[in-house]
Amino acid sequence: MKKDKIKYLHIAIIIIGIIYIFLPAFHTNLWFDESYSVALAKHSFVDIWTIGSHDVHPILYYWMLHILFLIFGNSILAYRLFSVIAIVILIIMGYTHIRKEFGEKTGLIFSFLVSFLPVITVYASEIRMYSWTMLFVTIMFIYAYRIYKGDCSNKNWIIFAVFSLASAYMHYYGLMTAGVINLLLFIYIIVDTIKKRKKDNTYKIINNNIIKFAISAIVQIVLYIPWLIFFIKQYNQVSKGFWIPKSSLEVYREIFEFQFTGNLLETFHINHDIALVFAIIITVYLIYQIYKSIKNKENIFPGIVALSIYLCIILIARIVSIKTPVLYARYMFTSTGIFILFMSFFMSKEKNKYLNLFICAIIIFVSTYITVNLMKENYDKGNKGPLKLIQNNIKENDILLYGNMGSGFVISAFYPENIQYFYDEAKWNVEEAYKAYGPNMKTIYSLEEIEDYKGRIWIIGADNYAILEQFSEDEINVLIKEKFSTRYKGYQYTVTLIEKNS
């Protein structure tokens, strides 16, 4: 009866969790990175490969979005709900996979944390590759663990290899995680072979596990080779690191705070100090559980391995950042499924149900606060202000002009049929990557390149009129000039319509 009650509770959490995770997702706002996803999804598979090779991420996610585009058209809502579906699958996997591998309580807590841990709520509906990468990485880990436990069926090896490769093609943090897990699995197979050989000198060194691992590794490497040349090119292109800050104590605090609340330094949904206290409480509790488990001589191997992989990704990113800053809190979302598995494993060790209930209550309280703020942000009517102004006044032959801030790209995603000029003052070297925005988007490096144009220009800026001020007052008439401060991602817009006479 006790097991039945846990199962019923687990199913109830899955249902409530799925409803909860969808609450902030029904909106069509965009921020810069999302606008790029939306823009690139409209291209063919071949063009996505070509254009995406100049971006800073692999292209599998964009191919997946393109399939959605072929089915639903250019639906921002479909793209957004697609991201949430990855989280829904992960919630359900607490019942179908985690429960079977690690026990009833671990599976139950896993589904709960995927549903209610604030970082999941914040990033579940991003039109980016994060949620799907997290799902693929978690599946890869689970099947690697099954192989480690001795279930070395062809099915498990195939699923492991497929999701390892898929993780690598989704995000470079997915590539790092796949590399770490493959390496750990290889070390285990070699050590296990040596142990068995010592016990029985007739045991074959070239055994089934080594053969299957070799086949898996070779297939993954061969299928990733086509992208390696682009990976090297991308790495060289972003050697300046663009906007990612160099590693510092502030960066590590951001990662720590982000992992529990979804807060970033520039975009946050709960006060940073409160977020830090919340993160510390959960961390101290987890350290306490690890200490108790070691003291009681319990098997803690799966939980420690999950934590070690997560920390190893941070270490690798830090080492790479010596040359090119790539260590960034948001990218750690790709490994959050493994981190949640670590949390679930040790939380399930606690015998005092009231302590666990207390921790879960804190998580729900913080999550609810953040979700309410997120819904207010996502559903605020003021988010549509800039678009409504343009929609009510734009004409067929108007052109759009915007600079290196994200606001202009957001607007451009809604008006791909108009001629657009990206004024790349900072010389980001992204002309090829930004072909994602379509044939009507042209990159210029000086306003002199459009000095012969006569007609109406929509100038889209962020919090100032820097581009407008570069036009001579006697060559333009200002028809519209408005500022907007939107709640979605805190984006600022300065929208100016000018008529250029000379």
Protein backbone atom coordinates (compact mmCIF):
# COMPACT_ATOMS: atom_id res chain seq x y z
CA MET A 1 0.00 0.00 0.00
CA LYS A 2 2.85 2.38 0.81
CA LYS A 3 4.33 1.85 -2.68
CA ASP A 4 0.90 2.39 -4.23
CA LYS A 5 0.50 5.66 -2.33
CA ILE A 6 3.91 6.85 -3.54
CA LYS A 7 2.96 5.95 -7.13
CA TYR A 8 -0.35 7.84 -6.88
CA LEU A 9 1.44 10.82 -5.34
CA HIS A 10 4.05 10.63 -8.09
CA ILE A 11 1.39 10.67 -10.82
CA ALA A 12 -0.35 13.60 -9.10
CA ILE A 13 2.94 15.56 -8.99
CA ILE A 14 3.50 14.84 -12.69
CA ILE A 15 0.05 16.18 -13.61
CA ILE A 16 0.32 19.26 -11.39
CA GLY A 17 3.92 19.82 -12.52
CA ILE A 18 3.01 19.74 -16.21
CA ILE A 19 0.23 22.28 -15.68
CA TYR A 20 2.52 24.45 -13.58
CA ILE A 21 5.39 24.45 -16.06
CA PHE A 22 3.09 25.63 -18.87
CA LEU A 23 1.66 28.59 -16.92
CA PRO A 24 4.14 31.29 -18.07
CA ALA A 25 4.57 29.90 -21.61
CA PHE A 26 1.59 31.19 -23.59
CA HIS A 27 3.04 34.38 -25.06
CA THR A 28 4.76 35.56 -28.23
CA ASN A 29 7.35 37.99 -26.88
CA LEU A 30 10.92 37.61 -28.02
CA TRP A 31 14.36 38.66 -26.91
CA PHE A 32 17.46 38.76 -29.10
CA ASP A 33 18.56 35.11 -28.89
CA GLU A 34 14.99 33.91 -29.41
CA SER A 35 14.62 36.18 -32.44
CA TYR A 36 17.64 34.43 -33.95
CA SER A 37 16.05 31.01 -33.38
CA VAL A 38 12.81 32.17 -35.00
CA ALA A 39 14.65 33.72 -37.95
CA LEU A 40 16.88 30.71 -38.63
CA ALA A 41 14.01 28.19 -38.34
CA LYS A 42 12.51 29.49 -41.59
CA HIS A 43 15.52 28.43 -43.67
CA SER A 44 16.07 25.05 -45.33
CA PHE A 45 18.05 22.29 -43.61
CA VAL A 46 21.03 23.01 -45.87
CA ASP A 47 20.88 26.77 -45.26
CA ILE A 48 20.57 26.22 -41.51
CA TRP A 49 23.79 24.19 -41.64
CA THR A 50 25.55 26.87 -43.71
CA ILE A 51 24.32 29.93 -41.81
CA GLY A 52 24.41 28.20 -38.43
CA SER A 53 28.07 27.35 -38.95
CA HIS A 54 28.79 31.06 -38.42
CA ASP A 55 26.81 31.18 -35.16
CA VAL A 56 28.17 30.11 -31.74
CA HIS A 57 26.08 26.92 -31.34
CA PRO A 58 25.59 23.66 -33.27
CA ILE A 59 22.55 23.33 -35.51
CA LEU A 60 20.42 20.34 -34.40
CA TYR A 61 17.99 22.51 -32.43
CA TYR A 62 17.46 24.79 -35.42
CA TRP A 63 16.73 21.74 -37.58
CA MET A 64 14.13 20.66 -35.03
CA LEU A 65 12.56 24.12 -35.15
CA HIS A 66 12.52 23.96 -38.95
CA ILE A 67 10.42 20.79 -38.77
CA LEU A 68 7.98 22.71 -36.57
CA PHE A 69 8.04 25.53 -39.12
CA LEU A 70 7.09 23.08 -41.88
CA ILE A 71 4.15 21.82 -39.78
CA PHE A 72 2.85 24.97 -38.04
CA GLY A 73 4.36 27.80 -40.05
CA ASN A 74 6.27 30.58 -38.34
CA SER A 75 4.42 30.21 -35.04
CA ILE A 76 6.27 31.73 -32.10
CA LEU A 77 3.85 30.06 -29.71
CA ALA A 78 4.49 26.63 -31.26
CA TYR A 79 8.25 27.14 -30.91
CA ARG A 80 7.83 28.18 -27.28
CA LEU A 81 5.57 25.30 -26.28
CA PHE A 82 7.96 22.93 -28.05
CA SER A 83 10.64 23.92 -25.52
CA VAL A 84 8.27 23.17 -22.64
CA ILE A 85 7.55 19.71 -24.06
CA ALA A 86 11.19 18.73 -23.36
CA ILE A 87 10.64 19.56 -19.69
CA VAL A 88 7.35 17.63 -19.67
CA ILE A 89 9.19 14.54 -20.96
CA LEU A 90 11.79 14.98 -18.24
CA ILE A 91 9.08 15.23 -15.56
CA ILE A 92 7.53 12.00 -16.82
CA MET A 93 10.95 10.31 -16.91
CA GLY A 94 11.04 10.62 -13.13
CA TYR A 95 8.37 7.90 -13.19
CA THR A 96 9.43 5.87 -16.23
CA HIS A 97 13.22 5.88 -15.80
CA ILE A 98 14.54 7.46 -12.58
CA ARG A 99 12.12 5.53 -10.37
CA LYS A 100 13.17 2.22 -11.92
CA GLU A 101 16.89 2.93 -11.76
CA PHE A 102 17.18 4.71 -8.39
CA GLY A 103 14.03 3.88 -6.44
CA GLU A 104 10.52 5.21 -5.81
CA LYS A 105 11.53 8.18 -3.65
CA THR A 106 14.30 9.35 -5.96
CA GLY A 107 11.95 9.22 -8.96
CA LEU A 108 9.24 11.09 -7.05
CA ILE A 109 11.63 13.84 -5.92
CA PHE A 110 13.13 14.07 -9.41
CA SER A 111 9.70 14.75 -10.97
CA PHE A 112 8.99 17.27 -8.21
CA LEU A 113 12.25 19.18 -8.72
CA VAL A 114 11.94 19.23 -12.52
CA SER A 115 8.45 20.65 -12.05
CA PHE A 116 9.15 23.20 -9.33
CA LEU A 117 12.84 24.08 -9.08
CA PRO A 118 12.74 27.79 -10.00
CA VAL A 119 15.50 27.62 -12.64
CA ILE A 120 13.38 25.17 -14.63
CA THR A 121 10.34 27.44 -14.47
CA VAL A 122 12.36 30.39 -15.74
CA TYR A 123 14.00 28.59 -18.67
CA ALA A 124 11.45 25.94 -19.64
CA SER A 125 9.86 28.06 -22.37
CA GLU A 126 12.92 29.77 -23.87
CA ILE A 127 12.94 29.44 -27.66
CA ARG A 128 16.48 28.17 -27.42
CA MET A 129 18.20 24.81 -27.28
CA TYR A 130 18.60 24.68 -23.50
CA SER A 131 15.63 22.52 -22.46
CA TRP A 132 16.12 19.94 -25.21
CA THR A 133 19.86 19.73 -24.55
CA MET A 134 19.12 19.14 -20.87
CA LEU A 135 16.73 16.32 -21.79
CA PHE A 136 19.21 14.68 -24.18
CA VAL A 137 22.08 14.96 -21.67
CA THR A 138 19.94 13.40 -18.92
CA ILE A 139 18.90 10.49 -21.17
CA MET A 140 22.56 9.97 -22.11
CA PHE A 141 23.51 9.83 -18.40
CA ILE A 142 20.72 7.37 -17.54
CA TYR A 143 21.69 4.91 -20.27
CA ALA A 144 25.38 5.22 -19.45
CA TYR A 145 24.42 4.29 -15.87
CA ARG A 146 22.44 1.29 -17.11
CA ILE A 147 25.48 0.10 -19.03
CA TYR A 148 27.62 0.63 -15.92
CA LYS A 149 25.19 -1.50 -13.91
CA GLY A 150 25.67 -4.36 -16.36
CA ASP A 151 22.68 -3.97 -18.68
CA CYS A 152 24.81 -3.91 -21.81
CA SER A 153 22.10 -4.70 -24.32
CA ASN A 154 22.41 -3.39 -27.85
CA LYS A 155 19.34 -1.22 -27.21
CA ASN A 156 21.02 0.57 -24.28
CA TRP A 157 24.22 1.14 -26.24
CA ILE A 158 22.32 2.50 -29.24
CA ILE A 159 20.22 4.87 -27.13
CA PHE A 160 23.33 6.04 -25.27
CA ALA A 161 25.24 6.68 -28.51
CA VAL A 162 22.29 8.46 -30.19
CA PHE A 163 21.70 10.87 -27.31
CA SER A 164 25.40 11.40 -26.76
CA LEU A 165 25.74 12.51 -30.38
CA ALA A 166 22.50 14.51 -30.20
CA SER A 167 23.74 16.34 -27.09
CA ALA A 168 26.93 17.28 -28.94
CA TYR A 169 24.95 18.63 -31.88
CA MET A 170 22.63 20.65 -29.63
CA HIS A 171 25.07 22.76 -27.60
CA TYR A 172 28.82 22.84 -26.95
CA TYR A 173 28.16 22.30 -23.25
CA GLY A 174 26.30 19.19 -24.41
CA LEU A 175 29.44 18.24 -26.33
CA MET A 176 31.54 18.67 -23.18
CA THR A 177 29.11 16.57 -21.13
CA ALA A 178 29.05 13.84 -23.78
CA GLY A 179 32.84 13.82 -23.79
CA VAL A 180 33.04 13.52 -20.00
CA ILE A 181 30.44 10.74 -19.79
CA ASN A 182 32.02 8.77 -22.66
CA LEU A 183 35.43 9.10 -21.00
CA LEU A 184 34.10 7.93 -17.61
CA LEU A 185 32.35 4.99 -19.26
CA PHE A 186 35.56 4.07 -21.10
CA ILE A 187 37.58 4.22 -17.85
CA TYR A 188 35.00 2.01 -16.10
CA ILE A 189 35.07 -0.59 -18.91
CA ILE A 190 38.88 -0.71 -18.89
CA VAL A 191 39.06 -1.00 -15.06
CA ASP A 192 36.31 -3.63 -15.04
CA THR A 193 38.13 -5.62 -17.73
CA ILE A 194 41.40 -5.51 -15.76
CA LYS A 195 39.64 -6.67 -12.58
CA LYS A 196 37.95 -9.58 -14.35
CA ARG A 197 41.19 -10.49 -16.08
CA LYS A 198 42.97 -10.69 -12.73
CA LYS A 199 40.29 -13.01 -11.36
CA ASP A 200 40.17 -15.13 -14.50
CA ASN A 201 43.10 -15.00 -16.91
CA THR A 202 40.93 -16.57 -19.61
CA TYR A 203 38.68 -13.50 -19.63
CA LYS A 204 39.05 -11.77 -23.00
CA ILE A 205 40.66 -8.34 -23.01
CA ILE A 206 38.77 -7.51 -26.20
CA ASN A 207 35.34 -8.28 -24.78
CA ASN A 208 31.79 -7.31 -25.77
CA ASN A 209 31.79 -4.11 -23.72
CA ILE A 210 35.02 -2.84 -25.25
CA ILE A 211 33.80 -3.72 -28.75
CA LYS A 212 30.44 -2.01 -28.18
CA PHE A 213 32.10 1.06 -26.70
CA ALA A 214 34.54 1.23 -29.62
CA ILE A 215 31.69 1.01 -32.14
CA SER A 216 29.71 3.66 -30.22
CA ALA A 217 32.70 6.02 -29.99
CA ILE A 218 33.72 5.58 -33.64
CA VAL A 219 30.18 6.19 -34.89
CA GLN A 220 29.85 9.31 -32.75
CA ILE A 221 33.21 10.70 -33.87
CA VAL A 222 32.62 9.95 -37.56
CA LEU A 223 29.15 11.54 -37.49
CA TYR A 224 30.51 14.59 -35.66
CA ILE A 225 33.47 15.10 -38.01
CA PRO A 226 31.34 17.07 -40.54
CA TRP A 227 30.76 19.66 -37.82
CA LEU A 228 34.30 19.75 -36.43
CA ILE A 229 35.59 22.08 -39.14
CA PHE A 230 32.79 24.51 -38.34
CA PHE A 231 33.43 24.11 -34.62
CA ILE A 232 37.06 25.20 -35.12
CA LYS A 233 35.93 28.11 -37.28
CA GLN A 234 33.35 29.19 -34.69
CA TYR A 235 35.89 28.96 -31.89
CA ASN A 236 38.26 31.26 -33.77
CA GLN A 237 35.45 33.67 -34.65
CA VAL A 238 34.37 34.08 -31.02
CA SER A 239 37.91 34.22 -29.62
CA LYS A 240 37.14 37.70 -28.34
CA GLY A 241 34.33 36.22 -26.28
CA PHE A 242 31.89 38.94 -27.34
CA TRP A 243 29.69 39.65 -24.33
CA ILE A 244 30.65 36.74 -22.03
CA PRO A 245 32.58 38.14 -19.06
CA LYS A 246 35.94 36.76 -18.01
CA SER A 247 35.83 34.30 -15.12
CA SER A 248 35.70 35.95 -11.70
CA LEU A 249 34.17 35.38 -8.29
CA GLU A 250 31.09 37.21 -9.55
CA VAL A 251 30.72 34.66 -12.36
CA TYR A 252 30.82 31.75 -9.90
CA ARG A 253 28.26 33.42 -7.66
CA GLU A 254 26.05 33.90 -10.72
CA ILE A 255 26.33 30.19 -11.60
CA PHE A 256 25.54 29.22 -8.00
CA GLU A 257 22.55 31.53 -7.78
CA PHE A 258 21.34 30.63 -11.28
CA GLN A 259 21.34 26.90 -10.66
CA PHE A 260 18.68 27.19 -7.99
CA THR A 261 16.68 30.28 -9.02
CA GLY A 262 17.35 31.04 -12.69
CA ASN A 263 18.71 34.46 -11.73
CA LEU A 264 21.34 36.09 -13.90
CA LEU A 265 23.09 39.29 -12.88
CA GLU A 266 21.22 41.32 -15.50
CA THR A 267 17.89 39.44 -15.57
CA PHE A 268 16.46 38.23 -12.30
CA HIS A 269 13.05 37.35 -10.92
CA ILE A 270 13.81 37.45 -7.20
CA ASN A 271 16.11 39.64 -5.13
CA HIS A 272 19.73 38.52 -5.48
CA ASP A 273 20.33 38.35 -1.71
CA ILE A 274 17.20 36.26 -1.16
CA ALA A 275 18.23 34.02 -4.06
CA LEU A 276 21.67 33.56 -2.51
CA VAL A 277 20.19 32.63 0.88
CA PHE A 278 17.84 30.14 -0.80
CA ALA A 279 20.75 28.57 -2.71
CA ILE A 280 22.85 28.34 0.46
CA ILE A 281 20.02 26.64 2.40
CA ILE A 282 19.59 23.97 -0.29
CA THR A 283 23.35 23.49 -0.61
CA VAL A 284 23.90 23.11 3.14
CA TYR A 285 21.05 20.61 3.25
CA LEU A 286 22.59 18.59 0.39
CA ILE A 287 26.05 18.64 2.02
CA TYR A 288 24.41 17.39 5.22
CA GLN A 289 22.78 14.52 3.29
CA ILE A 290 26.09 13.58 1.67
CA TYR A 291 27.80 13.61 5.08
CA LYS A 292 25.11 11.41 6.64
CA SER A 293 25.20 8.97 3.74
CA ILE A 294 28.98 8.61 4.00
CA LYS A 295 28.75 8.21 7.78
CA ASN A 296 26.10 5.50 7.40
CA LYS A 297 28.22 3.79 4.72
CA GLU A 298 25.44 3.98 2.15
CA ASN A 299 25.97 3.61 -1.59
CA ILE A 300 26.40 7.17 -2.80
CA PHE A 301 28.19 6.40 -6.07
CA PRO A 302 25.40 7.45 -8.52
CA GLY A 303 24.81 10.78 -6.76
CA ILE A 304 28.51 11.60 -6.48
CA VAL A 305 29.11 10.74 -10.14
CA ALA A 306 26.23 13.01 -11.20
CA LEU A 307 27.64 15.88 -9.11
CA SER A 308 31.18 15.21 -10.37
CA ILE A 309 30.07 15.41 -14.02
CA TYR A 310 28.29 18.71 -13.33
CA LEU A 311 31.36 20.19 -11.61
CA CYS A 312 33.62 18.82 -14.34
CA ILE A 313 31.71 20.83 -16.96
CA ILE A 314 32.36 23.99 -14.96
CA LEU A 315 36.05 23.09 -14.71
CA ILE A 316 36.39 22.40 -18.45
CA ALA A 317 34.58 25.64 -19.32
CA ARG A 318 36.89 27.48 -16.93
CA ILE A 319 39.98 26.01 -18.58
CA VAL A 320 38.71 26.89 -22.06
CA SER A 321 37.95 30.39 -20.76
CA ILE A 322 41.67 31.03 -20.26
CA LYS A 323 41.74 31.73 -24.03
CA THR A 324 38.08 32.42 -24.83
CA PRO A 325 35.47 33.26 -22.17
CA VAL A 326 32.80 30.56 -22.43
CA LEU A 327 31.93 30.00 -18.76
CA TYR A 328 28.41 31.35 -18.46
CA ALA A 329 25.66 30.52 -15.98
CA ARG A 330 22.85 30.11 -18.52
CA TYR A 331 24.77 27.43 -20.40
CA MET A 332 24.85 25.32 -17.23
CA PHE A 333 21.11 24.78 -17.72
CA THR A 334 22.09 22.05 -20.20
CA SER A 335 23.44 19.96 -17.29
CA THR A 336 20.67 20.81 -14.84
CA GLY A 337 18.94 17.44 -15.35
CA ILE A 338 22.07 15.71 -14.02
CA PHE A 339 22.27 18.21 -11.15
CA ILE A 340 18.62 17.52 -10.26
CA LEU A 341 19.34 13.80 -10.31
CA PHE A 342 22.14 14.43 -7.81
CA MET A 343 19.74 16.44 -5.62
CA SER A 344 17.01 13.80 -5.87
CA PHE A 345 19.37 10.96 -5.02
CA PHE A 346 20.53 12.51 -1.76
CA MET A 347 17.16 13.99 -0.78
CA SER A 348 15.71 10.48 -1.02
CA LYS A 349 18.21 9.33 1.62
CA GLU A 350 16.58 11.49 4.28
CA LYS A 351 14.51 9.36 6.64
CA ASN A 352 12.83 12.32 8.34
CA LYS A 353 9.98 13.14 5.95
CA TYR A 354 9.29 16.45 7.72
CA LEU A 355 12.75 17.76 6.88
CA ASN A 356 12.24 16.91 3.21
CA LEU A 357 8.77 18.44 3.30
CA PHE A 358 10.27 21.61 4.77
CA ILE A 359 12.84 21.82 1.93
CA CYS A 360 10.15 21.11 -0.66
CA ALA A 361 7.93 23.78 0.88
CA ILE A 362 10.75 26.34 0.59
CA ILE A 363 11.27 25.36 -3.04
CA ILE A 364 7.55 25.72 -3.82
CA PHE A 365 7.37 29.07 -2.04
CA VAL A 366 10.33 30.53 -3.96
CA SER A 367 9.18 28.92 -7.20
CA THR A 368 5.67 30.33 -6.85
CA TYR A 369 7.02 33.81 -6.17
CA ILE A 370 9.28 33.61 -9.23
CA THR A 371 6.56 32.11 -11.43
CA VAL A 372 4.11 34.88 -10.51
CA ASN A 373 6.77 37.48 -11.39
CA LEU A 374 7.53 35.62 -14.59
CA MET A 375 3.87 35.57 -15.60
CA LYS A 376 3.54 39.28 -14.87
CA GLU A 377 6.60 39.88 -17.06
CA ASN A 378 5.52 37.60 -19.91
CA TYR A 379 1.87 38.66 -20.03
CA ASP A 380 2.33 42.40 -19.48
CA LYS A 381 0.39 44.28 -22.17
CA GLY A 382 3.15 46.88 -22.40
CA ASN A 383 5.39 44.30 -24.08
CA LYS A 384 3.45 44.82 -27.30
CA GLY A 385 3.84 48.62 -27.26
CA PRO A 386 6.72 48.92 -29.77
CA LEU A 387 5.19 46.38 -32.14
CA LYS A 388 1.78 48.02 -32.03
CA LEU A 389 3.26 51.43 -32.82
CA ILE A 390 5.10 50.06 -35.83
CA GLN A 391 2.21 47.85 -36.95
CA ASN A 392 -0.14 50.84 -37.00
CA ASN A 393 2.21 53.04 -39.02
CA ILE A 394 4.53 50.92 -41.13
CA LYS A 395 4.31 51.01 -44.93
CA GLU A 396 5.41 48.48 -47.50
CA ASN A 397 8.49 50.39 -48.68
CA ASP A 398 9.68 51.48 -45.21
CA ILE A 399 13.09 50.21 -44.14
CA LEU A 400 14.29 49.20 -40.67
CA LEU A 401 17.60 50.35 -39.26
CA TYR A 402 19.04 49.08 -35.99
CA GLY A 403 22.34 48.67 -34.19
CA ASN A 404 24.19 46.21 -31.99
CA MET A 405 21.55 46.05 -29.25
CA GLY A 406 18.95 43.28 -29.31
CA SER A 407 15.82 45.42 -29.60
CA GLY A 408 16.10 45.93 -33.35
CA PHE A 409 16.50 42.21 -34.05
CA VAL A 410 13.34 41.48 -32.07
CA ILE A 411 11.36 43.91 -34.26
CA SER A 412 13.00 42.58 -37.42
CA ALA A 413 11.72 39.06 -36.68
CA PHE A 414 8.16 40.38 -37.11
CA TYR A 415 8.85 42.30 -40.35
CA PRO A 416 11.12 40.10 -42.49
CA GLU A 417 9.45 41.38 -45.67
CA ASN A 418 10.79 44.91 -45.16
CA ILE A 419 14.34 45.89 -46.13
CA GLN A 420 16.48 45.94 -42.98
CA TYR A 421 19.88 47.38 -42.23
CA PHE A 422 21.95 46.14 -39.32
CA TYR A 423 24.36 48.95 -38.48
CA ASP A 424 27.29 46.99 -37.03
CA GLU A 425 29.18 49.81 -35.34
CA ALA A 426 30.99 47.43 -32.98
CA LYS A 427 32.16 45.26 -35.90
CA TRP A 428 30.99 41.98 -34.39
CA ASN A 429 32.02 40.01 -37.52
CA VAL A 430 28.59 38.39 -37.68
CA GLU A 431 27.49 39.26 -41.20
CA GLU A 432 27.31 35.61 -42.29
CA ALA A 433 25.54 34.44 -39.12
CA TYR A 434 22.95 37.19 -39.39
CA LYS A 435 21.90 36.02 -42.82
CA ALA A 436 19.50 34.04 -40.66
CA TYR A 437 17.30 37.15 -40.66
CA GLY A 438 16.66 36.68 -44.36
CA PRO A 439 17.67 38.16 -47.72
CA ASN A 440 16.21 41.56 -46.80
CA MET A 441 18.67 42.01 -43.92
CA LYS A 442 21.89 43.76 -44.93
CA THR A 443 24.86 44.53 -42.69
CA ILE A 444 26.42 47.99 -42.96
CA TYR A 445 29.37 49.47 -41.09
CA SER A 446 28.72 53.15 -41.74
CA LEU A 447 25.61 55.24 -42.34
CA GLU A 448 27.35 56.55 -45.43
CA GLU A 449 26.34 53.27 -47.06
CA ILE A 450 22.71 54.44 -47.12
CA GLU A 451 23.33 58.15 -47.67
CA ASP A 452 21.71 57.98 -51.13
CA TYR A 453 18.52 56.46 -49.78
CA LYS A 454 15.45 58.70 -49.72
CA GLY A 455 12.31 57.65 -47.90
CA ARG A 456 11.00 56.48 -44.54
CA ILE A 457 13.30 54.75 -42.06
CA TRP A 458 12.32 53.09 -38.79
CA ILE A 459 15.26 53.42 -36.39
CA ILE A 460 15.06 50.85 -33.60
CA GLY A 461 17.36 51.40 -30.63
CA ALA A 462 17.57 50.44 -26.99
CA ASP A 463 17.67 53.13 -24.31
CA ASN A 464 19.02 56.04 -26.37
CA TYR A 465 18.79 57.70 -29.76
CA ALA A 466 22.44 57.14 -30.70
CA ILE A 467 21.76 56.19 -34.33
CA LEU A 468 19.26 59.00 -34.85
CA GLU A 469 21.78 61.52 -33.61
CA GLN A 470 24.17 60.51 -36.40
CA PHE A 471 21.80 61.90 -39.03
CA SER A 472 22.04 65.56 -39.92
CA GLU A 473 18.94 67.46 -38.80
CA ASP A 474 18.58 69.18 -42.15
CA GLU A 475 18.35 65.90 -44.09
CA ILE A 476 15.52 64.28 -42.11
CA ASN A 477 12.04 64.93 -40.77
CA VAL A 478 11.19 63.13 -37.52
CA LEU A 479 7.66 61.72 -37.83
CA ILE A 480 7.50 59.52 -34.72
CA LYS A 481 9.79 59.37 -31.70
CA GLU A 482 8.84 57.21 -28.70
CA LYS A 483 10.48 55.25 -25.91
CA PHE A 484 9.23 51.98 -24.46
CA SER A 485 10.30 50.12 -21.35
CA THR A 486 8.96 46.55 -21.55
CA ARG A 487 8.86 43.99 -18.77
CA TYR A 488 9.89 41.03 -20.93
CA LYS A 489 13.62 40.61 -20.26
CA GLY A 490 13.66 44.29 -19.26
CA TYR A 491 14.06 45.30 -22.90
CA GLN A 492 14.15 48.99 -23.77
CA TYR A 493 13.07 50.32 -27.15
CA THR A 494 13.53 53.69 -28.80
CA VAL A 495 11.37 53.73 -31.91
CA THR A 496 11.87 56.59 -34.34
CA LEU A 497 10.31 57.04 -37.76
CA ILE A 498 12.15 59.52 -39.95
CA GLU A 499 11.75 60.62 -43.53
CA LYS A 500 15.09 61.10 -45.22
CA ASN A 501 14.96 63.80 -47.86
CA SER A 502 18.56 63.94 -48.99
